PDB file of N, CA and C in Angstrom:
ATOM      1  N   MET A   1      23.044 -12.847  -5.369  1.00  0.00           N
ATOM      2  CA  MET A   1      22.445 -11.960  -6.033  1.00  0.00           C
ATOM      3  C   MET A   1      21.382 -12.162  -6.702  1.00  0.00           C
ATOM      4  N   LEU A   2      20.224 -10.913  -6.584  1.00  0.00           N
ATOM      5  CA  LEU A   2      18.678 -11.099  -7.507  1.00  0.00           C
ATOM      6  C   LEU A   2      18.740 -11.284  -8.512  1.00  0.00           C
ATOM      7  N   PRO A   3      18.039 -12.476  -9.084  1.00  0.00           N
ATOM      8  CA  PRO A   3      17.729 -12.710 -10.660  1.00  0.00           C
ATOM      9  C   PRO A   3      17.378 -11.073 -10.872  1.00  0.00           C
ATOM     10  N   GLU A   4      17.723 -10.358 -12.317  1.00  0.00           N
ATOM     11  CA  GLU A   4      17.105  -9.609 -12.645  1.00  0.00           C
ATOM     12  C   GLU A   4      15.046  -9.675 -12.899  1.00  0.00           C
ATOM     13  N   GLN A   5      14.849  -8.722 -12.230  1.00  0.00           N
ATOM     14  CA  GLN A   5      13.472  -8.485 -13.010  1.00  0.00           C
ATOM     15  C   GLN A   5      12.790  -6.606 -12.850  1.00  0.00           C
ATOM     16  N   THR A   6      11.796  -6.989 -14.047  1.00  0.00           N
ATOM     17  CA  THR A   6      11.792  -5.646 -14.260  1.00  0.00           C
ATOM     18  C   THR A   6      10.085  -5.246 -13.786  1.00  0.00           C
ATOM     19  N   TYR A   7       9.712  -4.050 -12.756  1.00  0.00           N
ATOM     20  CA  TYR A   7       8.302  -4.069 -12.437  1.00  0.00           C
ATOM     21  C   TYR A   7       8.436  -2.617 -13.139  1.00  0.00           C
ATOM     22  N   GLY A   8       7.012  -2.271 -13.719  1.00  0.00           N
ATOM     23  CA  GLY A   8       5.973  -1.446 -14.428  1.00  0.00           C
ATOM     24  C   GLY A   8       4.538  -1.050 -13.361  1.00  0.00           C
ATOM     25  N   PHE A   9       5.040  -0.081 -12.561  1.00  0.00           N
ATOM     26  CA  PHE A   9       3.147   0.316 -12.182  1.00  0.00           C
ATOM     27  C   PHE A   9       2.772   2.413 -12.267  1.00  0.00           C
ATOM     28  N   GLU A  10       2.078   2.601 -12.016  1.00  0.00           N
ATOM     29  CA  GLU A  10       1.601   3.219 -11.452  1.00  0.00           C
ATOM     30  C   GLU A  10       1.504   3.682  -9.883  1.00  0.00           C
ATOM     31  N   ALA A  11       1.998   5.050  -9.887  1.00  0.00           N
ATOM     32  CA  ALA A  11       2.196   5.021  -8.281  1.00  0.00           C
ATOM     33  C   ALA A  11       1.459   6.825  -7.570  1.00  0.00           C
ATOM     34  N   GLU A  12       0.935   7.168  -6.824  1.00  0.00           N
ATOM     35  CA  GLU A  12       1.058   8.127  -6.650  1.00  0.00           C
ATOM     36  C   GLU A  12       2.422   8.655  -5.774  1.00  0.00           C
ATOM     37  N   LEU A  13       2.607  10.283  -5.819  1.00  0.00           N
ATOM     38  CA  LEU A  13       3.753  10.861  -5.216  1.00  0.00           C
ATOM     39  C   LEU A  13       3.383  11.741  -3.832  1.00  0.00           C
ATOM     40  N   TRP A  14       4.402  10.675  -2.490  1.00  0.00           N
ATOM     41  CA  TRP A  14       3.258  11.089  -1.389  1.00  0.00           C
ATOM     42  C   TRP A  14       4.600  11.710  -0.363  1.00  0.00           C
ATOM     43  N   ARG A  15       4.333  12.682   0.546  1.00  0.00           N
ATOM     44  CA  ARG A  15       5.521  13.631   1.106  1.00  0.00           C
ATOM     45  C   ARG A  15       5.395  13.319   2.495  1.00  0.00           C
ATOM     46  N   SER A  16       6.766  12.746   3.386  1.00  0.00           N
ATOM     47  CA  SER A  16       6.887  12.572   4.586  1.00  0.00           C
ATOM     48  C   SER A  16       7.825  13.587   5.356  1.00  0.00           C
ATOM     49  N   GLY A  17       7.226  14.538   6.324  1.00  0.00           N
ATOM     50  CA  GLY A  17       7.865  15.160   6.931  1.00  0.00           C
ATOM     51  C   GLY A  17       7.202  16.802   6.445  1.00  0.00           C
ATOM     52  N   ASP A  18       8.316  17.790   7.136  1.00  0.00           N
ATOM     53  CA  ASP A  18       7.608  18.981   6.013  1.00  0.00           C
ATOM     54  C   ASP A  18       8.814  20.044   5.798  1.00  0.00           C
ATOM     55  N   GLY A  19       9.137  20.539   5.669  1.00  0.00           N
ATOM     56  CA  GLY A  19      10.172  21.590   5.011  1.00  0.00           C
ATOM     57  C   GLY A  19      10.982  20.946   4.517  1.00  0.00           C
ATOM     58  N   LYS A  20      12.035  21.812   4.233  1.00  0.00           N
ATOM     59  CA  LYS A  20      13.372  21.077   3.519  1.00  0.00           C
ATOM     60  C   LYS A  20      14.212  19.533   3.973  1.00  0.00           C
ATOM     61  N   ALA A  21      13.432  18.910   5.135  1.00  0.00           N
ATOM     62  CA  ALA A  21      13.392  18.009   6.164  1.00  0.00           C
ATOM     63  C   ALA A  21      12.567  16.270   5.190  1.00  0.00           C
ATOM     64  N   ALA A  22      12.035  17.020   4.425  1.00  0.00           N
ATOM     65  CA  ALA A  22      11.122  16.705   4.122  1.00  0.00           C
ATOM     66  C   ALA A  22      11.004  15.322   3.178  1.00  0.00           C
ATOM     67  N   TRP A  23      10.717  13.898   2.789  1.00  0.00           N
ATOM     68  CA  TRP A  23      11.415  13.060   1.616  1.00  0.00           C
ATOM     69  C   TRP A  23      10.063  12.831   0.793  1.00  0.00           C
ATOM     70  N   THR A  24      10.178  12.663  -0.750  1.00  0.00           N
ATOM     71  CA  THR A  24       9.075  11.937  -0.779  1.00  0.00           C
ATOM     72  C   THR A  24       9.197  10.733  -1.531  1.00  0.00           C
ATOM     73  N   PHE A  25       7.898  10.412  -1.444  1.00  0.00           N
ATOM     74  CA  PHE A  25       8.527   8.963  -1.796  1.00  0.00           C
ATOM     75  C   PHE A  25       6.980   8.197  -2.821  1.00  0.00           C
ATOM     76  N   LEU A  26       6.579   6.473  -2.676  1.00  0.00           N
ATOM     77  CA  LEU A  26       5.796   6.234  -3.728  1.00  0.00           C
ATOM     78  C   LEU A  26       5.938   4.703  -3.035  1.00  0.00           C
ATOM     79  N   THR A  27       4.292   4.119  -3.234  1.00  0.00           N
ATOM     80  CA  THR A  27       4.697   3.165  -2.373  1.00  0.00           C
ATOM     81  C   THR A  27       4.739   1.879  -3.285  1.00  0.00           C
ATOM     82  N   VAL A  28       5.444   1.711  -3.469  1.00  0.00           N
ATOM     83  CA  VAL A  28       4.906  -0.279  -4.439  1.00  0.00           C
ATOM     84  C   VAL A  28       3.947  -0.923  -3.852  1.00  0.00           C
ATOM     85  N   PRO A  29       3.273  -0.806  -5.447  1.00  0.00           N
ATOM     86  CA  PRO A  29       2.156  -1.663  -4.793  1.00  0.00           C
ATOM     87  C   PRO A  29       2.063  -3.132  -4.394  1.00  0.00           C
ATOM     88  N   ARG A  30       1.164  -3.623  -3.434  1.00  0.00           N
ATOM     89  CA  ARG A  30       1.516  -4.722  -3.081  1.00  0.00           C
ATOM     90  C   ARG A  30       1.776  -6.451  -2.944  1.00  0.00           C
ATOM     91  N   GLU A  31       1.241  -6.594  -4.972  1.00  0.00           N
ATOM     92  CA  GLU A  31       1.791  -7.756  -5.642  1.00  0.00           C
ATOM     93  C   GLU A  31       3.035  -7.729  -5.611  1.00  0.00           C
ATOM     94  N   ILE A  32       3.440  -6.901  -6.037  1.00  0.00           N
ATOM     95  CA  ILE A  32       5.267  -6.329  -6.546  1.00  0.00           C
ATOM     96  C   ILE A  32       5.401  -6.228  -5.846  1.00  0.00           C
ATOM     97  N   SER A  33       4.989  -5.826  -4.660  1.00  0.00           N
ATOM     98  CA  SER A  33       6.248  -5.765  -3.555  1.00  0.00           C
ATOM     99  C   SER A  33       6.426  -7.048  -2.881  1.00  0.00           C
ATOM    100  N   GLN A  34       5.340  -8.010  -2.701  1.00  0.00           N
ATOM    101  CA  GLN A  34       5.604  -9.597  -2.459  1.00  0.00           C
ATOM    102  C   GLN A  34       6.491 -10.554  -3.172  1.00  0.00           C
ATOM    103  N   GLN A  35       6.498  -9.878  -4.298  1.00  0.00           N
ATOM    104  CA  GLN A  35       7.376 -10.834  -5.939  1.00  0.00           C
ATOM    105  C   GLN A  35       9.112 -10.473  -5.213  1.00  0.00           C
ATOM    106  N   ILE A  36       9.214  -9.028  -4.733  1.00  0.00           N
ATOM    107  CA  ILE A  36      10.134  -8.517  -4.659  1.00  0.00           C
ATOM    108  C   ILE A  36      10.814  -8.993  -3.160  1.00  0.00           C
ATOM    109  N   ARG A  37       9.500  -9.171  -2.711  1.00  0.00           N
ATOM    110  CA  ARG A  37      10.553  -9.215  -1.387  1.00  0.00           C
ATOM    111  C   ARG A  37      10.813 -11.369  -1.486  1.00  0.00           C
ATOM    112  N   PHE A  38      10.061 -12.347  -1.455  1.00  0.00           N
ATOM    113  CA  PHE A  38      10.306 -13.472  -2.332  1.00  0.00           C
ATOM    114  C   PHE A  38      11.269 -13.093  -3.675  1.00  0.00           C
ATOM    115  N   LEU A  39      11.557 -12.668  -4.057  1.00  0.00           N
ATOM    116  CA  LEU A  39      13.590 -12.625  -4.559  1.00  0.00           C
ATOM    117  C   LEU A  39      14.031 -12.539  -4.116  1.00  0.00           C
ATOM    118  N   ALA A  40      14.132 -11.389  -3.004  1.00  0.00           N
ATOM    119  CA  ALA A  40      15.505 -10.488  -2.176  1.00  0.00           C
ATOM    120  C   ALA A  40      15.505 -10.748  -1.313  1.00  0.00           C
ATOM    121  N   GLY A  41      15.140 -12.455  -0.236  1.00  0.00           N
ATOM    122  CA  GLY A  41      15.533 -13.588   0.720  1.00  0.00           C
ATOM    123  C   GLY A  41      15.765 -12.244   1.603  1.00  0.00           C
ATOM    124  N   LYS A  42      17.029 -12.661   2.044  1.00  0.00           N
ATOM    125  CA  LYS A  42      17.672 -12.138   3.108  1.00  0.00           C
ATOM    126  C   LYS A  42      17.942 -10.546   2.783  1.00  0.00           C
ATOM    127  N   THR A  43      17.487  -9.587   3.064  1.00  0.00           N
ATOM    128  CA  THR A  43      18.060  -8.446   2.573  1.00  0.00           C
ATOM    129  C   THR A  43      19.240  -8.080   3.743  1.00  0.00           C
ATOM    130  N   ASN A  44      19.852  -6.110   3.797  1.00  0.00           N
ATOM    131  CA  ASN A  44      20.645  -6.173   5.304  1.00  0.00           C
ATOM    132  C   ASN A  44      19.834  -5.835   5.720  1.00  0.00           C
ATOM    133  N   GLY A  45      20.838  -4.883   6.967  1.00  0.00           N
ATOM    134  CA  GLY A  45      19.587  -4.678   8.130  1.00  0.00           C
ATOM    135  C   GLY A  45      18.456  -3.818   8.248  1.00  0.00           C
ATOM    136  N   PHE A  46      18.358  -2.856   7.158  1.00  0.00           N
ATOM    137  CA  PHE A  46      17.145  -2.205   7.312  1.00  0.00           C
ATOM    138  C   PHE A  46      16.078  -3.048   6.408  1.00  0.00           C
ATOM    139  N   GLY A  47      16.778  -4.209   5.436  1.00  0.00           N
ATOM    140  CA  GLY A  47      15.681  -4.844   4.210  1.00  0.00           C
ATOM    141  C   GLY A  47      15.311  -3.809   3.318  1.00  0.00           C
ATOM    142  N   SER A  48      16.180  -2.997   2.763  1.00  0.00           N
ATOM    143  CA  SER A  48      16.260  -2.328   1.709  1.00  0.00           C
ATOM    144  C   SER A  48      16.531  -3.617   0.576  1.00  0.00           C
ATOM    145  N   VAL A  49      15.931  -2.793  -0.360  1.00  0.00           N
ATOM    146  CA  VAL A  49      16.620  -3.530  -1.462  1.00  0.00           C
ATOM    147  C   VAL A  49      17.219  -3.343  -2.845  1.00  0.00           C
ATOM    148  N   PRO A  50      18.212  -2.782  -3.423  1.00  0.00           N
ATOM    149  CA  PRO A  50      19.143  -1.514  -4.487  1.00  0.00           C
ATOM    150  C   PRO A  50      18.142  -2.285  -5.709  1.00  0.00           C
ATOM    151  N   VAL A  51      17.784  -0.896  -6.453  1.00  0.00           N
ATOM    152  CA  VAL A  51      16.983  -1.084  -7.687  1.00  0.00           C
ATOM    153  C   VAL A  51      17.929   0.051  -8.110  1.00  0.00           C
ATOM    154  N   ARG A  52      17.689   0.054  -9.593  1.00  0.00           N
ATOM    155  CA  ARG A  52      17.535   1.145 -10.586  1.00  0.00           C
ATOM    156  C   ARG A  52      15.943   2.035 -11.046  1.00  0.00           C
ATOM    157  N   ALA A  53      15.828   2.902 -10.989  1.00  0.00           N
ATOM    158  CA  ALA A  53      14.340   3.409 -11.325  1.00  0.00           C
ATOM    159  C   ALA A  53      13.785   4.149 -12.355  1.00  0.00           C
ATOM    160  N   ARG A  54      12.822   4.173 -13.016  1.00  0.00           N
ATOM    161  CA  ARG A  54      13.011   5.595 -13.654  1.00  0.00           C
ATOM    162  C   ARG A  54      11.167   5.342 -14.643  1.00  0.00           C
ATOM    163  N   ILE A  55      11.486   6.979 -14.191  1.00  0.00           N
ATOM    164  CA  ILE A  55       9.965   7.820 -14.648  1.00  0.00           C
ATOM    165  C   ILE A  55      10.550   8.744 -15.273  1.00  0.00           C
ATOM    166  N   GLY A  56       9.852   8.801 -17.054  1.00  0.00           N
ATOM    167  CA  GLY A  56      10.226   9.988 -17.816  1.00  0.00           C
ATOM    168  C   GLY A  56      11.616   9.128 -18.238  1.00  0.00           C
ATOM    169  N   ASP A  57      12.055  10.151 -18.682  1.00  0.00           N
ATOM    170  CA  ASP A  57      13.001   9.766 -19.201  1.00  0.00           C
ATOM    171  C   ASP A  57      14.422  10.156 -17.794  1.00  0.00           C
ATOM    172  N   LYS A  58      13.954  10.476 -16.762  1.00  0.00           N
ATOM    173  CA  LYS A  58      15.002   9.960 -15.811  1.00  0.00           C
ATOM    174  C   LYS A  58      14.736   8.766 -14.922  1.00  0.00           C
ATOM    175  N   GLY A  59      16.677   8.153 -14.925  1.00  0.00           N
ATOM    176  CA  GLY A  59      17.112   7.035 -14.304  1.00  0.00           C
ATOM    177  C   GLY A  59      17.985   6.777 -13.029  1.00  0.00           C
ATOM    178  N   TRP A  60      17.715   6.374 -12.022  1.00  0.00           N
ATOM    179  CA  TRP A  60      19.006   6.852 -11.103  1.00  0.00           C
ATOM    180  C   TRP A  60      18.490   4.696 -10.029  1.00  0.00           C
ATOM    181  N   LYS A  61      19.273   5.457  -9.488  1.00  0.00           N
ATOM    182  CA  LYS A  61      19.940   4.081  -8.434  1.00  0.00           C
ATOM    183  C   LYS A  61      19.419   4.553  -7.167  1.00  0.00           C
ATOM    184  N   THR A  62      18.683   3.874  -6.433  1.00  0.00           N
ATOM    185  CA  THR A  62      18.055   3.747  -5.063  1.00  0.00           C
ATOM    186  C   THR A  62      17.831   2.692  -4.296  1.00  0.00           C
ATOM    187  N   SER A  63      17.530   2.757  -3.446  1.00  0.00           N
ATOM    188  CA  SER A  63      16.317   1.922  -2.791  1.00  0.00           C
ATOM    189  C   SER A  63      15.626   1.523  -2.470  1.00  0.00           C
ATOM    190  N   LEU A  64      14.938   0.583  -2.594  1.00  0.00           N
ATOM    191  CA  LEU A  64      13.043   0.016  -1.930  1.00  0.00           C
ATOM    192  C   LEU A  64      12.923   0.218  -0.421  1.00  0.00           C
ATOM    193  N   PHE A  65      13.335   0.579   0.786  1.00  0.00           N
ATOM    194  CA  PHE A  65      12.494   0.532   2.166  1.00  0.00           C
ATOM    195  C   PHE A  65      11.739  -0.393   1.814  1.00  0.00           C
ATOM    196  N   PRO A  66      11.647  -1.726   2.888  1.00  0.00           N
ATOM    197  CA  PRO A  66      10.227  -2.278   3.377  1.00  0.00           C
ATOM    198  C   PRO A  66       9.007  -1.375   4.945  1.00  0.00           C
ATOM    199  N   ASP A  67       8.023  -1.725   4.745  1.00  0.00           N
ATOM    200  CA  ASP A  67       7.033  -0.667   5.515  1.00  0.00           C
ATOM    201  C   ASP A  67       6.506  -2.339   5.900  1.00  0.00           C
ATOM    202  N   LYS A  68       7.132  -1.969   7.335  1.00  0.00           N
ATOM    203  CA  LYS A  68       5.944  -3.483   7.984  1.00  0.00           C
ATOM    204  C   LYS A  68       4.109  -3.246   8.495  1.00  0.00           C
ATOM    205  N   ALA A  69       4.186  -2.030   8.717  1.00  0.00           N
ATOM    206  CA  ALA A  69       2.454  -1.598   8.688  1.00  0.00           C
ATOM    207  C   ALA A  69       1.989  -2.027   7.646  1.00  0.00           C
ATOM    208  N   SER A  70       2.315  -2.189   5.938  1.00  0.00           N
ATOM    209  CA  SER A  70       1.183  -1.895   4.882  1.00  0.00           C
ATOM    210  C   SER A  70       1.573  -3.147   3.880  1.00  0.00           C
ATOM    211  N   GLY A  71       3.043  -3.647   4.895  1.00  0.00           N
ATOM    212  CA  GLY A  71       4.105  -4.736   4.198  1.00  0.00           C
ATOM    213  C   GLY A  71       4.499  -4.449   2.181  1.00  0.00           C
ATOM    214  N   CYS A  72       3.725  -3.016   2.544  1.00  0.00           N
ATOM    215  CA  CYS A  72       4.423  -3.130   0.842  1.00  0.00           C
ATOM    216  C   CYS A  72       5.741  -1.363   1.261  1.00  0.00           C
ATOM    217  N   TYR A  73       6.354  -2.079  -0.022  1.00  0.00           N
ATOM    218  CA  TYR A  73       7.899  -1.724  -0.223  1.00  0.00           C
ATOM    219  C   TYR A  73       8.252   0.420  -0.311  1.00  0.00           C
ATOM    220  N   PHE A  74       8.527   1.549  -0.254  1.00  0.00           N
ATOM    221  CA  PHE A  74       8.638   2.974  -0.518  1.00  0.00           C
ATOM    222  C   PHE A  74       9.669   2.875  -1.311  1.00  0.00           C
ATOM    223  N   LEU A  75       9.436   3.558  -2.127  1.00  0.00           N
ATOM    224  CA  LEU A  75      10.494   3.916  -3.192  1.00  0.00           C
ATOM    225  C   LEU A  75      10.890   5.850  -3.256  1.00  0.00           C
ATOM    226  N   PRO A  76      11.972   6.461  -2.527  1.00  0.00           N
ATOM    227  CA  PRO A  76      12.437   7.680  -2.121  1.00  0.00           C
ATOM    228  C   PRO A  76      12.886   8.472  -3.626  1.00  0.00           C
ATOM    229  N   VAL A  77      11.892   9.118  -4.093  1.00  0.00           N
ATOM    230  CA  VAL A  77      11.656  10.020  -5.524  1.00  0.00           C
ATOM    231  C   VAL A  77      12.708  11.441  -5.238  1.00  0.00           C
ATOM    232  N   LYS A  78      13.813  11.212  -5.960  1.00  0.00           N
ATOM    233  CA  LYS A  78      14.929  12.673  -5.403  1.00  0.00           C
ATOM    234  C   LYS A  78      14.089  13.445  -6.507  1.00  0.00           C
ATOM    235  N   ALA A  79      14.624  15.059  -5.568  1.00  0.00           N
ATOM    236  CA  ALA A  79      14.315  16.060  -6.060  1.00  0.00           C
ATOM    237  C   ALA A  79      14.872  16.402  -7.523  1.00  0.00           C
ATOM    238  N   ALA A  80      15.924  16.201  -7.217  1.00  0.00           N
ATOM    239  CA  ALA A  80      16.634  15.916  -8.847  1.00  0.00           C
ATOM    240  C   ALA A  80      15.471  15.441 -10.033  1.00  0.00           C
ATOM    241  N   VAL A  81      14.635  14.200  -9.887  1.00  0.00           N
ATOM    242  CA  VAL A  81      14.721  13.659 -10.778  1.00  0.00           C
ATOM    243  C   VAL A  81      12.282  13.993 -10.819  1.00  0.00           C
ATOM    244  N   ARG A  82      11.958  15.053  -9.469  1.00  0.00           N
ATOM    245  CA  ARG A  82      10.882  15.576  -9.426  1.00  0.00           C
ATOM    246  C   ARG A  82      11.496  16.609 -10.916  1.00  0.00           C
ATOM    247  N   LYS A  83      11.818  17.617 -10.483  1.00  0.00           N
ATOM    248  CA  LYS A  83      12.109  19.182 -10.806  1.00  0.00           C
ATOM    249  C   LYS A  83      12.080  18.159 -12.563  1.00  0.00           C
ATOM    250  N   ALA A  84      13.542  17.811 -12.769  1.00  0.00           N
ATOM    251  CA  ALA A  84      13.561  16.923 -14.357  1.00  0.00           C
ATOM    252  C   ALA A  84      11.623  16.609 -15.213  1.00  0.00           C
ATOM    253  N   GLU A  85      11.002  15.971 -14.019  1.00  0.00           N
ATOM    254  CA  GLU A  85      10.014  15.638 -14.434  1.00  0.00           C
ATOM    255  C   GLU A  85       8.552  16.353 -14.431  1.00  0.00           C
ATOM    256  N   ALA A  86       8.774  17.489 -13.869  1.00  0.00           N
ATOM    257  CA  ALA A  86       7.861  18.435 -13.232  1.00  0.00           C
ATOM    258  C   ALA A  86       6.518  17.701 -12.795  1.00  0.00           C
ATOM    259  N   ILE A  87       7.501  17.068 -11.696  1.00  0.00           N
ATOM    260  CA  ILE A  87       6.145  16.507 -10.421  1.00  0.00           C
ATOM    261  C   ILE A  87       6.507  16.686  -9.384  1.00  0.00           C
ATOM    262  N   SER A  88       4.891  16.203  -8.850  1.00  0.00           N
ATOM    263  CA  SER A  88       5.143  16.249  -7.323  1.00  0.00           C
ATOM    264  C   SER A  88       4.247  15.422  -6.628  1.00  0.00           C
ATOM    265  N   ALA A  89       4.486  15.899  -4.639  1.00  0.00           N
ATOM    266  CA  ALA A  89       3.347  15.081  -4.329  1.00  0.00           C
ATOM    267  C   ALA A  89       2.576  15.194  -4.691  1.00  0.00           C
ATOM    268  N   GLY A  90       0.852  14.145  -4.700  1.00  0.00           N
ATOM    269  CA  GLY A  90       0.313  14.290  -4.852  1.00  0.00           C
ATOM    270  C   GLY A  90      -0.137  14.210  -6.639  1.00  0.00           C
ATOM    271  N   ASP A  91       0.866  13.826  -7.173  1.00  0.00           N
ATOM    272  CA  ASP A  91       1.152  13.052  -8.984  1.00  0.00           C
ATOM    273  C   ASP A  91       0.779  11.994  -9.065  1.00  0.00           C
ATOM    274  N   SER A  92      -0.011  11.360  -9.964  1.00  0.00           N
ATOM    275  CA  SER A  92      -0.324   9.692 -10.350  1.00  0.00           C
ATOM    276  C   SER A  92       1.630   9.647 -10.940  1.00  0.00           C
ATOM    277  N   VAL A  93       2.076   8.874 -11.065  1.00  0.00           N
ATOM    278  CA  VAL A  93       2.978   9.022 -11.896  1.00  0.00           C
ATOM    279  C   VAL A  93       3.103   7.957 -12.620  1.00  0.00           C
ATOM    280  N   SER A  94       3.810   7.062 -14.161  1.00  0.00           N
ATOM    281  CA  SER A  94       3.904   5.691 -14.382  1.00  0.00           C
ATOM    282  C   SER A  94       5.669   5.790 -13.811  1.00  0.00           C
ATOM    283  N   ILE A  95       5.625   4.360 -13.479  1.00  0.00           N
ATOM    284  CA  ILE A  95       7.249   3.865 -12.699  1.00  0.00           C
ATOM    285  C   ILE A  95       7.297   2.785 -13.744  1.00  0.00           C
ATOM    286  N   GLU A  96       9.103   2.291 -13.871  1.00  0.00           N
ATOM    287  CA  GLU A  96       9.752   1.458 -13.296  1.00  0.00           C
ATOM    288  C   GLU A  96      11.199   0.808 -12.449  1.00  0.00           C
ATOM    289  N   ILE A  97      11.350   0.048 -12.432  1.00  0.00           N
ATOM    290  CA  ILE A  97      12.156  -0.348 -11.838  1.00  0.00           C
ATOM    291  C   ILE A  97      12.763  -1.625 -11.855  1.00  0.00           C
ATOM    292  N   ARG A  98      13.562  -1.436 -11.299  1.00  0.00           N
ATOM    293  CA  ARG A  98      14.832  -2.919 -12.300  1.00  0.00           C
ATOM    294  C   ARG A  98      15.230  -3.229 -11.264  1.00  0.00           C
ATOM    295  N   ILE A  99      14.908  -4.703 -10.554  1.00  0.00           N
ATOM    296  CA  ILE A  99      15.744  -5.670  -9.530  1.00  0.00           C
ATOM    297  C   ILE A  99      16.780  -6.310 -10.265  1.00  0.00           C
ATOM    298  N   GLY A 100      18.210  -6.417  -9.503  1.00  0.00           N
ATOM    299  CA  GLY A 100      18.985  -7.410  -9.378  1.00  0.00           C
ATOM    300  C   GLY A 100      20.118  -6.979 -10.383  1.00  0.00           C
TER     301      GLY A 100
END
């Protein structure tokens, strides 16, 4: 079990893909990604790390997904969260993630 840690940062939302199949993500900063990777140790086959995330008043359970090219984690941001917080790709948001 991971020790509980909370991280807050600002990041820009970005889209991967087109149309209804597109996903919206934000990139966890490198320094925070490295700390999470150290704490997480061995993860499942995909290297994902379960987290609780919060943007504004909306909180949800999700997972961070590693990106080998950047060395950072990506966090998917659900459509319901984007709609409730009136945010979209290109917007910079304040986010809090909690692992453990």
